[in-house]
C-alpha atoms as a PDB file:
ATOM      1  CA  MET A   1      52.194-118.971  20.942  1.00  0.00           C
ATOM      2  CA  SER A   2      49.524-117.911  23.359  1.00  0.00           C
ATOM      3  CA  MET A   3      49.440-114.475  25.030  1.00  0.00           C
ATOM      4  CA  SER A   4      47.627-113.806  28.216  1.00  0.00           C
ATOM      5  CA  LYS A   5      45.619-110.702  28.495  1.00  0.00           C
ATOM      6  CA  ILE A   6      45.008-108.511  31.550  1.00  0.00           C
ATOM      7  CA  VAL A   7      41.375-107.180  31.533  1.00  0.00           C
ATOM      8  CA  ILE A   8      40.914-104.240  33.816  1.00  0.00           C
ATOM      9  CA  ARG A   9      37.210-103.314  34.413  1.00  0.00           C
ATOM     10  CA  ALA A  10      37.856-100.108  36.158  1.00  0.00           C
ATOM     11  CA  GLY A  11      40.982 -98.254  36.999  1.00  0.00           C
ATOM     12  CA  ILE A  12      42.168 -95.081  38.545  1.00  0.00           C
ATOM     13  CA  GLY A  13      45.380 -93.253  38.409  1.00  0.00           C
ATOM     14  CA  LEU A  14      46.667 -92.753  41.844  1.00  0.00           C
ATOM     15  CA  GLY A  15      49.409 -90.357  43.036  1.00  0.00           C
ATOM     16  CA  LEU A  16      50.437 -89.677  46.639  1.00  0.00           C
ATOM     17  CA  ALA A  17      52.821 -86.699  47.070  1.00  0.00           C
ATOM     18  CA  TYR A  18      53.790 -84.181  49.680  1.00  0.00           C
ATOM     19  CA  LEU A  19      53.315 -80.446  49.615  1.00  0.00           C
ATOM     20  CA  PHE A  20      55.018 -77.952  52.059  1.00  0.00           C
ATOM     21  CA  ILE A  21      52.579 -75.307  53.311  1.00  0.00           C
ATOM     22  CA  LYS A  22      53.738 -72.331  55.145  1.00  0.00           C
ATOM     23  CA  TYR A  23      52.114 -72.013  58.571  1.00  0.00           C
ATOM     24  CA  ARG A  24      53.013 -69.425  61.113  1.00  0.00           C
ATOM     25  CA  ASN A  25      56.626 -68.924  59.579  1.00  0.00           C
ATOM     26  CA  TYR A  26      57.455 -72.456  59.156  1.00  0.00           C
ATOM     27  CA  LEU A  27      56.907 -75.106  56.523  1.00  0.00           C
ATOM     28  CA  GLU A  28      54.624 -77.997  57.293  1.00  0.00           C
ATOM     29  CA  ARG A  29      54.568 -81.105  55.220  1.00  0.00           C
ATOM     30  CA  CYS A  30      51.156 -81.919  53.848  1.00  0.00           C
ATOM     31  CA  ASP A  31      50.241 -85.220  52.045  1.00  0.00           C
ATOM     32  CA  HIS A  32      47.844 -85.101  49.087  1.00  0.00           C
ATOM     33  CA  ASP A  33      46.418 -87.834  47.102  1.00  0.00           C
ATOM     34  CA  LYS A  34      45.346 -87.346  43.362  1.00  0.00           C
ATOM     35  CA  ALA A  35      42.884 -89.842  41.879  1.00  0.00           C
ATOM     36  CA  CYS A  36      41.942 -89.607  38.026  1.00  0.00           C
ATOM     37  CA  ASP A  37      39.796 -91.900  36.047  1.00  0.00           C
ATOM     38  CA  ASN A  38      39.886 -92.729  32.351  1.00  0.00           C
ATOM     39  CA  ILE A  39      37.041 -90.395  31.341  1.00  0.00           C
ATOM     40  CA  GLY A  40      38.611 -87.210  32.805  1.00  0.00           C
ATOM     41  CA  PHE A  41      37.300 -86.944  36.331  1.00  0.00           C
ATOM     42  CA  CYS A  42      40.168 -85.926  38.698  1.00  0.00           C
ATOM     43  CA  GLY A  43      40.098 -85.423  42.376  1.00  0.00           C
ATOM     44  CA  LEU A  44      42.843 -83.897  44.546  1.00  0.00           C
ATOM     45  CA  PHE A  45      42.461 -84.850  48.352  1.00  0.00           C
ATOM     46  CA  HIS A  46      44.627 -82.891  50.798  1.00  0.00           C
ATOM     47  CA  LEU A  47      44.960 -85.748  53.479  1.00  0.00           C
ATOM     48  CA  CYS A  48      46.739 -83.340  56.023  1.00  0.00           C
ATOM     49  CA  HIS A  49      43.654 -81.173  56.290  1.00  0.00           C
ATOM     50  CA  MET A  50      41.394 -84.050  57.112  1.00  0.00           C
ATOM     51  CA  HIS A  51      40.639 -85.249  60.747  1.00  0.00           C
ATOM     52  CA  HIS A  52      39.941 -88.674  59.103  1.00  0.00           C
ATOM     53  CA  ILE A  53      39.682 -90.299  55.818  1.00  0.00           C
ATOM     54  CA  PRO A  54      36.099 -90.127  54.486  1.00  0.00           C
ATOM     55  CA  LYS A  55      34.492 -93.533  54.376  1.00  0.00           C
ATOM     56  CA  SER A  56      33.644 -92.951  50.755  1.00  0.00           C
ATOM     57  CA  LEU A  57      37.333 -92.189  49.898  1.00  0.00           C
ATOM     58  CA  LYS A  58      38.584 -95.190  51.856  1.00  0.00           C
ATOM     59  CA  ASN A  59      35.909 -97.528  50.283  1.00  0.00           C
ATOM     60  CA  LEU A  60      37.058 -96.290  46.769  1.00  0.00           C
ATOM     61  CA  LEU A  61      40.746 -96.872  47.538  1.00  0.00           C
ATOM     62  CA  GLU A  62      40.064-100.319  49.163  1.00  0.00           C
ATOM     63  CA  ASP A  63      37.710-101.497  46.243  1.00  0.00           C
ATOM     64  CA  LYS A  64      39.459-104.527  44.726  1.00  0.00           C
ATOM     65  CA  GLU A  65      37.530-104.112  41.554  1.00  0.00           C
ATOM     66  CA  ILE A  66      39.099-100.773  40.769  1.00  0.00           C
ATOM     67  CA  ILE A  67      42.901-101.198  39.964  1.00  0.00           C
ATOM     68  CA  LYS A  68      45.088 -98.284  41.021  1.00  0.00           C
ATOM     69  CA  VAL A  69      47.963 -97.380  38.550  1.00  0.00           C
ATOM     70  CA  GLY A  70      50.739 -94.598  38.928  1.00  0.00           C
ATOM     71  CA  ILE A  71      54.324 -93.947  39.128  1.00  0.00           C
ATOM     72  CA  ASP A  72      55.182 -95.888  42.255  1.00  0.00           C
ATOM     73  CA  PRO A  73      51.926 -97.429  43.495  1.00  0.00           C
ATOM     74  CA  ALA A  74      53.546 -99.855  45.845  1.00  0.00           C
ATOM     75  CA  ALA A  75      55.094 -96.917  47.731  1.00  0.00           C
ATOM     76  CA  ASP A  76      51.687 -95.231  47.720  1.00  0.00           C
ATOM     77  CA  ALA A  77      49.994 -98.286  49.036  1.00  0.00           C
ATOM     78  CA  GLN A  78      52.600 -98.608  51.782  1.00  0.00           C
ATOM     79  CA  LYS A  79      52.213 -94.869  52.839  1.00  0.00           C
ATOM     80  CA  LEU A  80      48.459 -94.993  52.852  1.00  0.00           C
ATOM     81  CA  GLN A  81      48.723 -98.206  54.983  1.00  0.00           C
ATOM     82  CA  GLU A  82      51.076 -96.939  57.430  1.00  0.00           C
ATOM     83  CA  ASP A  83      49.708 -93.260  57.877  1.00  0.00           C
ATOM     84  CA  TYR A  84      46.133 -93.570  57.176  1.00  0.00           C
ATOM     85  CA  GLY A  85      45.006 -97.272  57.824  1.00  0.00           C
ATOM     86  CA  ILE A  86      44.031 -97.948  54.309  1.00  0.00           C
ATOM     87  CA  TYR A  87      44.617-101.729  53.474  1.00  0.00           C
ATOM     88  CA  ARG A  88      43.866-103.909  50.546  1.00  0.00           C
ATOM     89  CA  LEU A  89      44.982-101.334  47.842  1.00  0.00           C
ATOM     90  CA  GLN A  90      44.792-103.340  44.459  1.00  0.00           C
ATOM     91  CA  TYR A  91      47.378-101.864  42.118  1.00  0.00           C
ATOM     92  CA  VAL A  92      49.534-102.623  38.983  1.00  0.00           C
END
């Protein structure tokens, strides 16, 4: 019986979530994106505070050589595509 192997050269954990921030007596939804690698680097990006997604972050997210993993990466990819124009998100 042969078994196929999946080889991942580089990968990051990706999670897109919502925060609610109090602003002038009302709550405002804020998207934030968390990316962590396998050596302990973890970045938290508050997308709602950015006027645009920085090119370096967009390049990281769209890099097909870096596999994104998480709880629901398909939903994260859909959200990033619809709200922020980030396409070609490679995930498992």
